[in-house]
């Protein structure tokens, strides 16, 4: 969240707390990673299991 957004929320809702929606954070990260993987696949031939290997390694 941008500093301006957090400041506005703090002024408008002084009792509010910032929470993180981890499902959507992971979803955005996974989509971004997949876009990079697809872009690289157009330039460099990669083994078939690279997508899953990268996702599994990120959980370590």
PDB file of N, CA and C in Angstrom:
ATOM      1  N   UNK A   1       0.845  -1.174   0.000  1.00  0.00           N
ATOM      2  CA  UNK A   1       0.000   0.000   0.000  1.00  0.00           C
ATOM      3  C   UNK A   1       0.891   1.238   0.000  1.00  0.00           C
ATOM      4  N   UNK A   2       0.442   2.229  -0.686  1.00  0.00           N
ATOM      5  CA  UNK A   2       1.232   3.454  -0.787  1.00  0.00           C
ATOM      6  C   UNK A   2       1.180   4.242   0.524  1.00  0.00           C
ATOM      7  N   UNK A   3       2.218   5.039   0.781  1.00  0.00           N
ATOM      8  CA  UNK A   3       2.206   5.869   1.989  1.00  0.00           C
ATOM      9  C   UNK A   3       1.014   6.822   2.038  1.00  0.00           C
ATOM     10  N   UNK A   4       0.606   7.347   0.888  1.00  0.00           N
ATOM     11  CA  UNK A   4      -0.543   8.254   0.855  1.00  0.00           C
ATOM     12  C   UNK A   4      -1.820   7.528   1.277  1.00  0.00           C
ATOM     13  N   UNK A   5      -1.994   6.305   0.794  1.00  0.00           N
ATOM     14  CA  UNK A   5      -3.170   5.520   1.161  1.00  0.00           C
ATOM     15  C   UNK A   5      -3.178   5.242   2.661  1.00  0.00           C
ATOM     16  N   UNK A   6      -2.029   4.819   3.194  1.00  0.00           N
ATOM     17  CA  UNK A   6      -1.945   4.522   4.622  1.00  0.00           C
ATOM     18  C   UNK A   6      -2.204   5.768   5.468  1.00  0.00           C
ATOM     19  N   UNK A   7      -1.709   6.928   5.016  1.00  0.00           N
ATOM     20  CA  UNK A   7      -1.935   8.173   5.752  1.00  0.00           C
ATOM     21  C   UNK A   7      -3.427   8.527   5.752  1.00  0.00           C
ATOM     22  N   UNK A   8      -4.074   8.381   4.597  1.00  0.00           N
ATOM     23  CA  UNK A   8      -5.501   8.697   4.498  1.00  0.00           C
ATOM     24  C   UNK A   8      -6.325   7.768   5.384  1.00  0.00           C
ATOM     25  N   UNK A   9      -5.981   6.487   5.388  1.00  0.00           N
ATOM     26  CA  UNK A   9      -6.697   5.533   6.240  1.00  0.00           C
ATOM     27  C   UNK A   9      -6.476   5.889   7.702  1.00  0.00           C
ATOM     28  N   UNK A  10      -5.242   6.247   8.055  1.00  0.00           N
ATOM     29  CA  UNK A  10      -4.934   6.608   9.428  1.00  0.00           C
ATOM     30  C   UNK A  10      -5.697   7.831   9.909  1.00  0.00           C
ATOM     31  N   UNK A  11      -5.877   8.797   9.016  1.00  0.00           N
ATOM     32  CA  UNK A  11      -6.625  10.004   9.372  1.00  0.00           C
ATOM     33  C   UNK A  11      -8.123   9.727   9.453  1.00  0.00           C
ATOM     34  N   UNK A  12      -8.624   8.945   8.525  1.00  0.00           N
ATOM     35  CA  UNK A  12     -10.058   8.684   8.452  1.00  0.00           C
ATOM     36  C   UNK A  12     -10.511   7.656   9.481  1.00  0.00           C
ATOM     37  N   UNK A  13      -9.703   6.638   9.677  1.00  0.00           N
ATOM     38  CA  UNK A  13     -10.034   5.551  10.595  1.00  0.00           C
ATOM     39  C   UNK A  13      -8.884   5.352  11.586  1.00  0.00           C
ATOM     40  N   UNK A  14      -8.783   6.182  12.598  1.00  0.00           N
ATOM     41  CA  UNK A  14      -7.638   6.108  13.511  1.00  0.00           C
ATOM     42  C   UNK A  14      -7.529   4.776  14.268  1.00  0.00           C
ATOM     43  N   UNK A  15      -8.609   4.061  14.419  1.00  0.00           N
ATOM     44  CA  UNK A  15      -8.579   2.788  15.147  1.00  0.00           C
ATOM     45  C   UNK A  15      -8.280   1.591  14.227  1.00  0.00           C
ATOM     46  N   UNK A  16      -8.164   1.838  12.931  1.00  0.00           N
ATOM     47  CA  UNK A  16      -7.956   0.743  11.976  1.00  0.00           C
ATOM     48  C   UNK A  16      -6.537   0.194  12.086  1.00  0.00           C
ATOM     49  N   UNK A  17      -6.384  -1.075  11.754  1.00  0.00           N
ATOM     50  CA  UNK A  17      -5.056  -1.676  11.689  1.00  0.00           C
ATOM     51  C   UNK A  17      -4.859  -2.250  10.293  1.00  0.00           C
ATOM     52  N   UNK A  18      -3.631  -2.275   9.876  1.00  0.00           N
ATOM     53  CA  UNK A  18      -3.306  -2.772   8.542  1.00  0.00           C
ATOM     54  C   UNK A  18      -3.186  -4.285   8.620  1.00  0.00           C
ATOM     55  N   UNK A  19      -3.871  -4.962   7.722  1.00  0.00           N
ATOM     56  CA  UNK A  19      -3.786  -6.419   7.654  1.00  0.00           C
ATOM     57  C   UNK A  19      -3.278  -6.817   6.276  1.00  0.00           C
ATOM     58  N   UNK A  20      -2.790  -8.020   6.183  1.00  0.00           N
ATOM     59  CA  UNK A  20      -2.262  -8.526   4.918  1.00  0.00           C
ATOM     60  C   UNK A  20      -3.105  -9.725   4.507  1.00  0.00           C
ATOM     61  N   UNK A  21      -3.543  -9.708   3.277  1.00  0.00           N
ATOM     62  CA  UNK A  21      -4.299 -10.816   2.706  1.00  0.00           C
ATOM     63  C   UNK A  21      -3.292 -11.713   1.982  1.00  0.00           C
ATOM     64  N   UNK A  22      -2.743 -12.699   2.701  1.00  0.00           N
ATOM     65  CA  UNK A  22      -1.668 -13.514   2.155  1.00  0.00           C
ATOM     66  C   UNK A  22      -2.096 -14.309   0.930  1.00  0.00           C
ATOM     67  N   UNK A  23      -3.347 -14.679   0.839  1.00  0.00           N
ATOM     68  CA  UNK A  23      -3.798 -15.409  -0.349  1.00  0.00           C
ATOM     69  C   UNK A  23      -3.544 -14.585  -1.594  1.00  0.00           C
ATOM     70  N   UNK A  24      -3.942 -13.312  -1.558  1.00  0.00           N
ATOM     71  CA  UNK A  24      -3.779 -12.468  -2.737  1.00  0.00           C
ATOM     72  C   UNK A  24      -2.329 -12.041  -2.954  1.00  0.00           C
ATOM     73  N   UNK A  25      -1.563 -11.922  -1.900  1.00  0.00           N
ATOM     74  CA  UNK A  25      -0.135 -11.632  -2.057  1.00  0.00           C
ATOM     75  C   UNK A  25       0.532 -12.777  -2.815  1.00  0.00           C
ATOM     76  N   UNK A  26       0.250 -13.999  -2.412  1.00  0.00           N
ATOM     77  CA  UNK A  26       0.820 -15.171  -3.080  1.00  0.00           C
ATOM     78  C   UNK A  26       0.295 -15.270  -4.506  1.00  0.00           C
ATOM     79  N   UNK A  27      -0.980 -14.975  -4.709  1.00  0.00           N
ATOM     80  CA  UNK A  27      -1.561 -15.029  -6.046  1.00  0.00           C
ATOM     81  C   UNK A  27      -0.870 -14.034  -6.978  1.00  0.00           C
ATOM     82  N   UNK A  28      -0.662 -12.810  -6.519  1.00  0.00           N
ATOM     83  CA  UNK A  28       0.022 -11.806  -7.338  1.00  0.00           C
ATOM     84  C   UNK A  28       1.452 -12.224  -7.641  1.00  0.00           C
ATOM     85  N   UNK A  29       2.149 -12.745  -6.635  1.00  0.00           N
ATOM     86  CA  UNK A  29       3.517 -13.196  -6.836  1.00  0.00           C
ATOM     87  C   UNK A  29       3.578 -14.334  -7.853  1.00  0.00           C
ATOM     88  N   UNK A  30       2.670 -15.285  -7.727  1.00  0.00           N
ATOM     89  CA  UNK A  30       2.646 -16.429  -8.643  1.00  0.00           C
ATOM     90  C   UNK A  30       2.370 -15.978 -10.069  1.00  0.00           C
ATOM     91  N   UNK A  31       1.442 -15.049 -10.252  1.00  0.00           N
ATOM     92  CA  UNK A  31       1.153 -14.524 -11.594  1.00  0.00           C
ATOM     93  C   UNK A  31       2.364 -13.808 -12.179  1.00  0.00           C
ATOM     94  N   UNK A  32       3.022 -12.996 -11.356  1.00  0.00           N
ATOM     95  CA  UNK A  32       4.197 -12.267 -11.828  1.00  0.00           C
ATOM     96  C   UNK A  32       5.309 -13.239 -12.224  1.00  0.00           C
ATOM     97  N   UNK A  33       5.526 -14.248 -11.402  1.00  0.00           N
ATOM     98  CA  UNK A  33       6.540 -15.250 -11.693  1.00  0.00           C
ATOM     99  C   UNK A  33       6.210 -15.989 -12.984  1.00  0.00           C
ATOM    100  N   UNK A  34       4.955 -16.306 -13.190  1.00  0.00           N
ATOM    101  CA  UNK A  34       4.533 -17.011 -14.394  1.00  0.00           C
ATOM    102  C   UNK A  34       4.731 -16.138 -15.630  1.00  0.00           C
ATOM    103  N   UNK A  35       4.468 -14.835 -15.522  1.00  0.00           N
ATOM    104  CA  UNK A  35       4.690 -13.931 -16.655  1.00  0.00           C
ATOM    105  C   UNK A  35       6.168 -13.864 -17.019  1.00  0.00           C
ATOM    106  N   UNK A  36       7.022 -13.805 -16.024  1.00  0.00           N
ATOM    107  CA  UNK A  36       8.469 -13.788 -16.281  1.00  0.00           C
ATOM    108  C   UNK A  36       8.897 -15.099 -16.918  1.00  0.00           C
ATOM    109  N   UNK A  37       8.386 -16.208 -16.396  1.00  0.00           N
ATOM    110  CA  UNK A  37       8.726 -17.520 -16.956  1.00  0.00           C
ATOM    111  C   UNK A  37       8.318 -17.620 -18.417  1.00  0.00           C
ATOM    112  N   UNK A  38       7.120 -17.132 -18.734  1.00  0.00           N
ATOM    113  CA  UNK A  38       6.637 -17.182 -20.115  1.00  0.00           C
ATOM    114  C   UNK A  38       7.482 -16.294 -21.018  1.00  0.00           C
ATOM    115  N   UNK A  39       7.883 -15.125 -20.530  1.00  0.00           N
ATOM    116  CA  UNK A  39       8.729 -14.225 -21.320  1.00  0.00           C
ATOM    117  C   UNK A  39      10.086 -14.855 -21.596  1.00  0.00           C
ATOM    118  N   UNK A  40      10.661 -15.478 -20.575  1.00  0.00           N
ATOM    119  CA  UNK A  40      11.953 -16.134 -20.754  1.00  0.00           C
ATOM    120  C   UNK A  40      11.844 -17.331 -21.689  1.00  0.00           C
ATOM    121  N   UNK A  41      10.737 -18.031 -21.634  1.00  0.00           N
ATOM    122  CA  UNK A  41      10.553 -19.217 -22.477  1.00  0.00           C
ATOM    123  C   UNK A  41      10.540 -18.845 -23.953  1.00  0.00           C
ATOM    124  N   UNK A  42      10.153 -17.614 -24.270  1.00  0.00           N
ATOM    125  CA  UNK A  42      10.166 -17.160 -25.656  1.00  0.00           C
ATOM    126  C   UNK A  42      11.591 -16.932 -26.151  1.00  0.00           C
ATOM    127  N   UNK A  43      12.513 -16.642 -25.228  1.00  0.00           N
ATOM    128  CA  UNK A  43      13.895 -16.341 -25.593  1.00  0.00           C
ATOM    129  C   UNK A  43      14.832 -17.536 -25.435  1.00  0.00           C
ATOM    130  N   UNK A  44      14.575 -18.360 -24.433  1.00  0.00           N
ATOM    131  CA  UNK A  44      15.464 -19.478 -24.096  1.00  0.00           C
ATOM    132  C   UNK A  44      14.631 -20.735 -23.932  1.00  0.00           C
ATOM    133  N   UNK A  45      15.075 -21.823 -24.547  1.00  0.00           N
ATOM    134  CA  UNK A  45      14.360 -23.088 -24.384  1.00  0.00           C
ATOM    135  C   UNK A  45      14.666 -23.654 -23.002  1.00  0.00           C
ATOM    136  N   UNK A  46      13.617 -23.922 -22.225  1.00  0.00           N
ATOM    137  CA  UNK A  46      13.786 -24.429 -20.870  1.00  0.00           C
ATOM    138  C   UNK A  46      13.222 -25.831 -20.756  1.00  0.00           C
ATOM    139  N   UNK A  47      13.746 -26.608 -19.815  1.00  0.00           N
ATOM    140  CA  UNK A  47      13.169 -27.944 -19.586  1.00  0.00           C
ATOM    141  C   UNK A  47      11.705 -27.840 -19.173  1.00  0.00           C
ATOM    142  N   UNK A  48      10.942 -28.870 -19.430  1.00  0.00           N
ATOM    143  CA  UNK A  48       9.496 -28.853 -19.184  1.00  0.00           C
ATOM    144  C   UNK A  48       9.129 -28.636 -17.718  1.00  0.00           C
ATOM    145  N   UNK A  49       9.933 -29.108 -16.779  1.00  0.00           N
ATOM    146  CA  UNK A  49       9.561 -29.057 -15.366  1.00  0.00           C
ATOM    147  C   UNK A  49      10.063 -27.804 -14.655  1.00  0.00           C
ATOM    148  N   UNK A  50      10.614 -26.842 -15.369  1.00  0.00           N
ATOM    149  CA  UNK A  50      11.173 -25.650 -14.720  1.00  0.00           C
ATOM    150  C   UNK A  50      10.121 -24.892 -13.927  1.00  0.00           C
ATOM    151  N   UNK A  51       8.940 -24.750 -14.467  1.00  0.00           N
ATOM    152  CA  UNK A  51       7.897 -23.985 -13.770  1.00  0.00           C
ATOM    153  C   UNK A  51       7.652 -24.544 -12.378  1.00  0.00           C
ATOM    154  N   UNK A  52       7.499 -25.847 -12.285  1.00  0.00           N
ATOM    155  CA  UNK A  52       7.183 -26.461 -10.998  1.00  0.00           C
ATOM    156  C   UNK A  52       8.404 -26.486 -10.094  1.00  0.00           C
ATOM    157  N   UNK A  53       9.579 -26.627 -10.652  1.00  0.00           N
ATOM    158  CA  UNK A  53      10.793 -26.627  -9.840  1.00  0.00           C
ATOM    159  C   UNK A  53      10.976 -25.271  -9.179  1.00  0.00           C
ATOM    160  N   UNK A  54      10.742 -24.190  -9.913  1.00  0.00           N
ATOM    161  CA  UNK A  54      10.886 -22.859  -9.360  1.00  0.00           C
ATOM    162  C   UNK A  54       9.851 -22.619  -8.266  1.00  0.00           C
ATOM    163  N   UNK A  55       8.601 -22.986  -8.510  1.00  0.00           N
ATOM    164  CA  UNK A  55       7.561 -22.789  -7.504  1.00  0.00           C
ATOM    165  C   UNK A  55       7.829 -23.614  -6.255  1.00  0.00           C
ATOM    166  N   UNK A  56       8.317 -24.830  -6.410  1.00  0.00           N
ATOM    167  CA  UNK A  56       8.609 -25.674  -5.252  1.00  0.00           C
ATOM    168  C   UNK A  56       9.789 -25.126  -4.464  1.00  0.00           C
ATOM    169  N   UNK A  57      10.802 -24.611  -5.137  1.00  0.00           N
ATOM    170  CA  UNK A  57      11.969 -24.068  -4.451  1.00  0.00           C
ATOM    171  C   UNK A  57      11.613 -22.816  -3.661  1.00  0.00           C
ATOM    172  N   UNK A  58      10.643 -22.050  -4.111  1.00  0.00           N
ATOM    173  CA  UNK A  58      10.253 -20.838  -3.415  1.00  0.00           C
ATOM    174  C   UNK A  58       9.608 -21.151  -2.068  1.00  0.00           C
ATOM    175  N   UNK A  59       9.067 -22.329  -1.912  1.00  0.00           N
ATOM    176  CA  UNK A  59       8.414 -22.703  -0.660  1.00  0.00           C
ATOM    177  C   UNK A  59       9.441 -23.136   0.387  1.00  0.00           C
ATOM    178  N   UNK A  60      10.676 -23.395  -0.034  1.00  0.00           N
ATOM    179  CA  UNK A  60      11.735 -23.865   0.890  1.00  0.00           C
ATOM    180  C   UNK A  60      12.182 -22.758   1.815  1.00  0.00           C
TER     181      UNK A  60
END
